[in-house]
Amino acid sequence: MKSRQGYKGYVIEARSDELRDGEFSAEFSIEQHDGAGVTETQFYLPHTFLSQELAIAAAIQAGQQKVDVGFERGRGVASG
């Protein structure tokens, strides 16, 4: 499952995948669009979630928090 949302000039794309035990993992990317193109930075949430909806909501919230506090662009990192 995937969800895209604009936030303070960025685009947050949240993704979830079902794991073998019926729980879901979550990850997100933050896209910055400018005249030079798009810079995408990926993050992975270390926790699992009981539903896709919870995983997507957590990824969107984590993405908003990253934008609010600032983040190193262009790298993939764990978000905890």
N, C-alpha and C. Protein backbone atom coordinates (compact mmCIF):
# COMPACT_ATOMS: atom_id res chain seq x y z
N MET A 1 0.85 -1.18 0.00
CA MET A 1 0.00 0.00 0.00
C MET A 1 0.90 1.24 0.00
N LYS A 2 0.42 2.28 -0.65
CA LYS A 2 1.21 3.50 -0.78
C LYS A 2 0.28 4.71 -0.64
N SER A 3 0.83 5.79 -0.05
CA SER A 3 0.07 7.03 0.08
C SER A 3 1.04 8.20 -0.09
N ARG A 4 0.64 9.20 -0.86
CA ARG A 4 1.46 10.40 -1.08
C ARG A 4 0.73 11.60 -0.50
N GLN A 5 1.51 12.49 0.13
CA GLN A 5 0.91 13.67 0.75
C GLN A 5 1.89 14.83 0.66
N GLY A 6 1.38 15.99 0.27
CA GLY A 6 2.19 17.20 0.29
C GLY A 6 2.27 17.75 1.70
N TYR A 7 3.46 18.27 2.06
CA TYR A 7 3.64 18.82 3.40
C TYR A 7 4.76 19.86 3.38
N LYS A 8 4.41 21.11 3.61
CA LYS A 8 5.37 22.22 3.71
C LYS A 8 6.36 22.27 2.55
N GLY A 9 5.85 22.07 1.34
CA GLY A 9 6.69 22.16 0.15
C GLY A 9 7.40 20.87 -0.21
N TYR A 10 7.20 19.81 0.54
CA TYR A 10 7.77 18.50 0.25
C TYR A 10 6.64 17.54 -0.10
N VAL A 11 7.00 16.39 -0.66
CA VAL A 11 6.05 15.31 -0.86
C VAL A 11 6.52 14.13 -0.03
N ILE A 12 5.64 13.64 0.83
CA ILE A 12 5.94 12.46 1.65
C ILE A 12 5.21 11.28 1.02
N GLU A 13 5.96 10.23 0.70
CA GLU A 13 5.36 9.01 0.19
C GLU A 13 5.56 7.91 1.22
N ALA A 14 4.46 7.42 1.78
CA ALA A 14 4.49 6.37 2.79
C ALA A 14 4.16 5.04 2.12
N ARG A 15 4.88 3.98 2.52
CA ARG A 15 4.64 2.66 1.96
C ARG A 15 4.60 1.63 3.09
N SER A 16 3.78 0.60 2.91
CA SER A 16 3.74 -0.49 3.89
C SER A 16 3.76 -1.82 3.14
N ASP A 17 4.32 -2.82 3.80
CA ASP A 17 4.37 -4.17 3.26
C ASP A 17 3.95 -5.15 4.34
N GLU A 18 3.21 -6.17 3.93
CA GLU A 18 2.79 -7.19 4.90
C GLU A 18 3.95 -8.15 5.15
N LEU A 19 4.18 -8.45 6.42
CA LEU A 19 5.20 -9.39 6.82
C LEU A 19 4.59 -10.78 6.99
N ARG A 20 5.41 -11.79 7.13
CA ARG A 20 4.92 -13.17 7.24
C ARG A 20 4.01 -13.40 8.43
N ASP A 21 4.24 -12.69 9.51
CA ASP A 21 3.46 -12.91 10.73
C ASP A 21 2.15 -12.12 10.76
N GLY A 22 1.80 -11.47 9.63
CA GLY A 22 0.55 -10.72 9.57
C GLY A 22 0.67 -9.27 9.99
N GLU A 23 1.84 -8.88 10.46
CA GLU A 23 2.05 -7.47 10.79
C GLU A 23 2.58 -6.75 9.54
N PHE A 24 2.79 -5.44 9.68
CA PHE A 24 3.19 -4.64 8.53
C PHE A 24 4.42 -3.80 8.85
N SER A 25 5.30 -3.68 7.89
CA SER A 25 6.44 -2.78 8.01
C SER A 25 6.06 -1.46 7.36
N ALA A 26 6.83 -0.42 7.66
CA ALA A 26 6.55 0.89 7.07
C ALA A 26 7.85 1.58 6.71
N GLU A 27 7.80 2.31 5.63
CA GLU A 27 8.92 3.15 5.20
C GLU A 27 8.33 4.37 4.52
N PHE A 28 9.15 5.39 4.37
CA PHE A 28 8.68 6.58 3.69
C PHE A 28 9.83 7.28 3.01
N SER A 29 9.50 8.09 2.05
CA SER A 29 10.49 8.94 1.42
C SER A 29 9.96 10.36 1.42
N ILE A 30 10.91 11.29 1.43
CA ILE A 30 10.58 12.71 1.35
C ILE A 30 11.19 13.23 0.06
N GLU A 31 10.35 13.78 -0.78
CA GLU A 31 10.80 14.33 -2.06
C GLU A 31 10.84 15.85 -1.98
N GLN A 32 11.94 16.40 -2.48
CA GLN A 32 12.05 17.85 -2.60
C GLN A 32 12.13 18.17 -4.09
N HIS A 33 11.16 18.92 -4.59
CA HIS A 33 11.10 19.28 -6.00
C HIS A 33 11.63 20.70 -6.15
N ASP A 34 12.60 20.87 -7.08
CA ASP A 34 13.11 22.21 -7.37
C ASP A 34 13.48 22.27 -8.85
N GLY A 35 14.08 23.37 -9.26
CA GLY A 35 14.43 23.57 -10.66
C GLY A 35 15.41 22.55 -11.20
N ALA A 36 16.19 21.93 -10.34
CA ALA A 36 17.18 20.94 -10.76
C ALA A 36 16.58 19.54 -10.86
N GLY A 37 15.34 19.36 -10.39
CA GLY A 37 14.72 18.04 -10.43
C GLY A 37 14.15 17.67 -9.08
N VAL A 38 14.26 16.38 -8.76
CA VAL A 38 13.70 15.84 -7.52
C VAL A 38 14.80 15.17 -6.72
N THR A 39 14.89 15.52 -5.45
CA THR A 39 15.78 14.82 -4.52
C THR A 39 14.89 14.00 -3.60
N GLU A 40 15.16 12.69 -3.54
CA GLU A 40 14.36 11.79 -2.70
C GLU A 40 15.24 11.20 -1.61
N THR A 41 14.76 11.27 -0.38
CA THR A 41 15.46 10.71 0.77
C THR A 41 14.55 9.67 1.40
N GLN A 42 15.07 8.45 1.58
CA GLN A 42 14.25 7.36 2.11
C GLN A 42 14.56 7.09 3.57
N PHE A 43 13.51 6.69 4.29
CA PHE A 43 13.62 6.36 5.71
C PHE A 43 12.85 5.07 5.97
N TYR A 44 13.29 4.32 6.96
CA TYR A 44 12.65 3.06 7.32
C TYR A 44 12.28 3.10 8.80
N LEU A 45 11.06 2.75 9.10
CA LEU A 45 10.63 2.69 10.50
C LEU A 45 11.00 1.32 11.07
N PRO A 46 11.62 1.28 12.25
CA PRO A 46 12.09 0.00 12.80
C PRO A 46 10.99 -0.84 13.44
N HIS A 47 9.80 -0.28 13.62
CA HIS A 47 8.72 -0.98 14.30
C HIS A 47 7.82 -1.69 13.30
N THR A 48 7.01 -2.62 13.77
CA THR A 48 5.97 -3.23 12.95
C THR A 48 4.62 -2.76 13.46
N PHE A 49 3.61 -2.92 12.61
CA PHE A 49 2.28 -2.39 12.89
C PHE A 49 1.23 -3.46 12.65
N LEU A 50 0.10 -3.35 13.32
CA LEU A 50 -0.96 -4.36 13.25
C LEU A 50 -1.80 -4.27 11.98
N SER A 51 -1.75 -3.12 11.28
CA SER A 51 -2.52 -2.97 10.04
C SER A 51 -1.77 -2.07 9.07
N GLN A 52 -2.17 -2.17 7.80
CA GLN A 52 -1.58 -1.27 6.80
C GLN A 52 -1.89 0.17 7.11
N GLU A 53 -3.10 0.43 7.57
CA GLU A 53 -3.51 1.81 7.86
C GLU A 53 -2.64 2.42 8.96
N LEU A 54 -2.37 1.63 10.01
CA LEU A 54 -1.50 2.13 11.09
C LEU A 54 -0.08 2.37 10.60
N ALA A 55 0.41 1.48 9.75
CA ALA A 55 1.76 1.63 9.21
C ALA A 55 1.86 2.89 8.36
N ILE A 56 0.90 3.12 7.49
CA ILE A 56 0.90 4.31 6.63
C ILE A 56 0.79 5.57 7.48
N ALA A 57 -0.11 5.58 8.46
CA ALA A 57 -0.27 6.75 9.32
C ALA A 57 1.01 7.06 10.08
N ALA A 58 1.69 6.03 10.58
CA ALA A 58 2.94 6.24 11.30
C ALA A 58 4.03 6.77 10.38
N ALA A 59 4.07 6.29 9.15
CA ALA A 59 5.08 6.75 8.19
C ALA A 59 4.84 8.21 7.80
N ILE A 60 3.57 8.59 7.58
CA ILE A 60 3.25 9.98 7.26
C ILE A 60 3.64 10.88 8.43
N GLN A 61 3.29 10.48 9.65
CA GLN A 61 3.63 11.28 10.83
C GLN A 61 5.14 11.41 10.99
N ALA A 62 5.87 10.32 10.80
CA ALA A 62 7.33 10.36 10.90
C ALA A 62 7.92 11.28 9.82
N GLY A 63 7.34 11.24 8.62
CA GLY A 63 7.80 12.12 7.55
C GLY A 63 7.58 13.58 7.88
N GLN A 64 6.42 13.89 8.45
CA GLN A 64 6.14 15.27 8.84
C GLN A 64 7.12 15.73 9.92
N GLN A 65 7.43 14.86 10.87
CA GLN A 65 8.38 15.20 11.93
C GLN A 65 9.77 15.45 11.34
N LYS A 66 10.18 14.63 10.37
CA LYS A 66 11.49 14.83 9.74
C LYS A 66 11.56 16.19 9.04
N VAL A 67 10.49 16.54 8.34
CA VAL A 67 10.46 17.85 7.66
C VAL A 67 10.52 18.97 8.70
N ASP A 68 9.78 18.82 9.79
CA ASP A 68 9.72 19.87 10.82
C ASP A 68 11.08 20.10 11.49
N VAL A 69 11.83 19.04 11.75
CA VAL A 69 13.10 19.19 12.46
C VAL A 69 14.31 19.28 11.53
N GLY A 70 14.10 19.01 10.26
CA GLY A 70 15.20 19.02 9.30
C GLY A 70 15.80 17.63 9.19
N PHE A 71 16.39 17.34 8.05
CA PHE A 71 16.96 16.02 7.83
C PHE A 71 18.06 16.13 6.79
N GLU A 72 18.95 15.15 6.76
CA GLU A 72 20.02 15.13 5.78
C GLU A 72 19.45 14.58 4.48
N ARG A 73 19.47 15.37 3.44
CA ARG A 73 18.83 14.99 2.18
C ARG A 73 19.69 14.04 1.37
N GLY A 74 19.00 13.16 0.63
CA GLY A 74 19.67 12.30 -0.32
C GLY A 74 20.26 11.03 0.24
N ARG A 75 19.90 10.66 1.45
CA ARG A 75 20.43 9.44 2.05
C ARG A 75 19.28 8.61 2.57
N GLY A 76 19.50 7.32 2.66
CA GLY A 76 18.51 6.43 3.26
C GLY A 76 18.93 6.13 4.69
N VAL A 77 18.05 6.33 5.64
CA VAL A 77 18.39 6.11 7.04
C VAL A 77 17.20 5.54 7.78
N ALA A 78 17.50 4.94 8.92
CA ALA A 78 16.43 4.46 9.80
C ALA A 78 15.86 5.63 10.55
N SER A 79 14.59 5.58 10.81
CA SER A 79 13.92 6.63 11.56
C SER A 79 13.32 6.00 12.79
N GLY A 80 13.64 6.49 13.95
CA GLY A 80 13.13 5.81 15.10
C GLY A 80 12.47 6.69 16.04
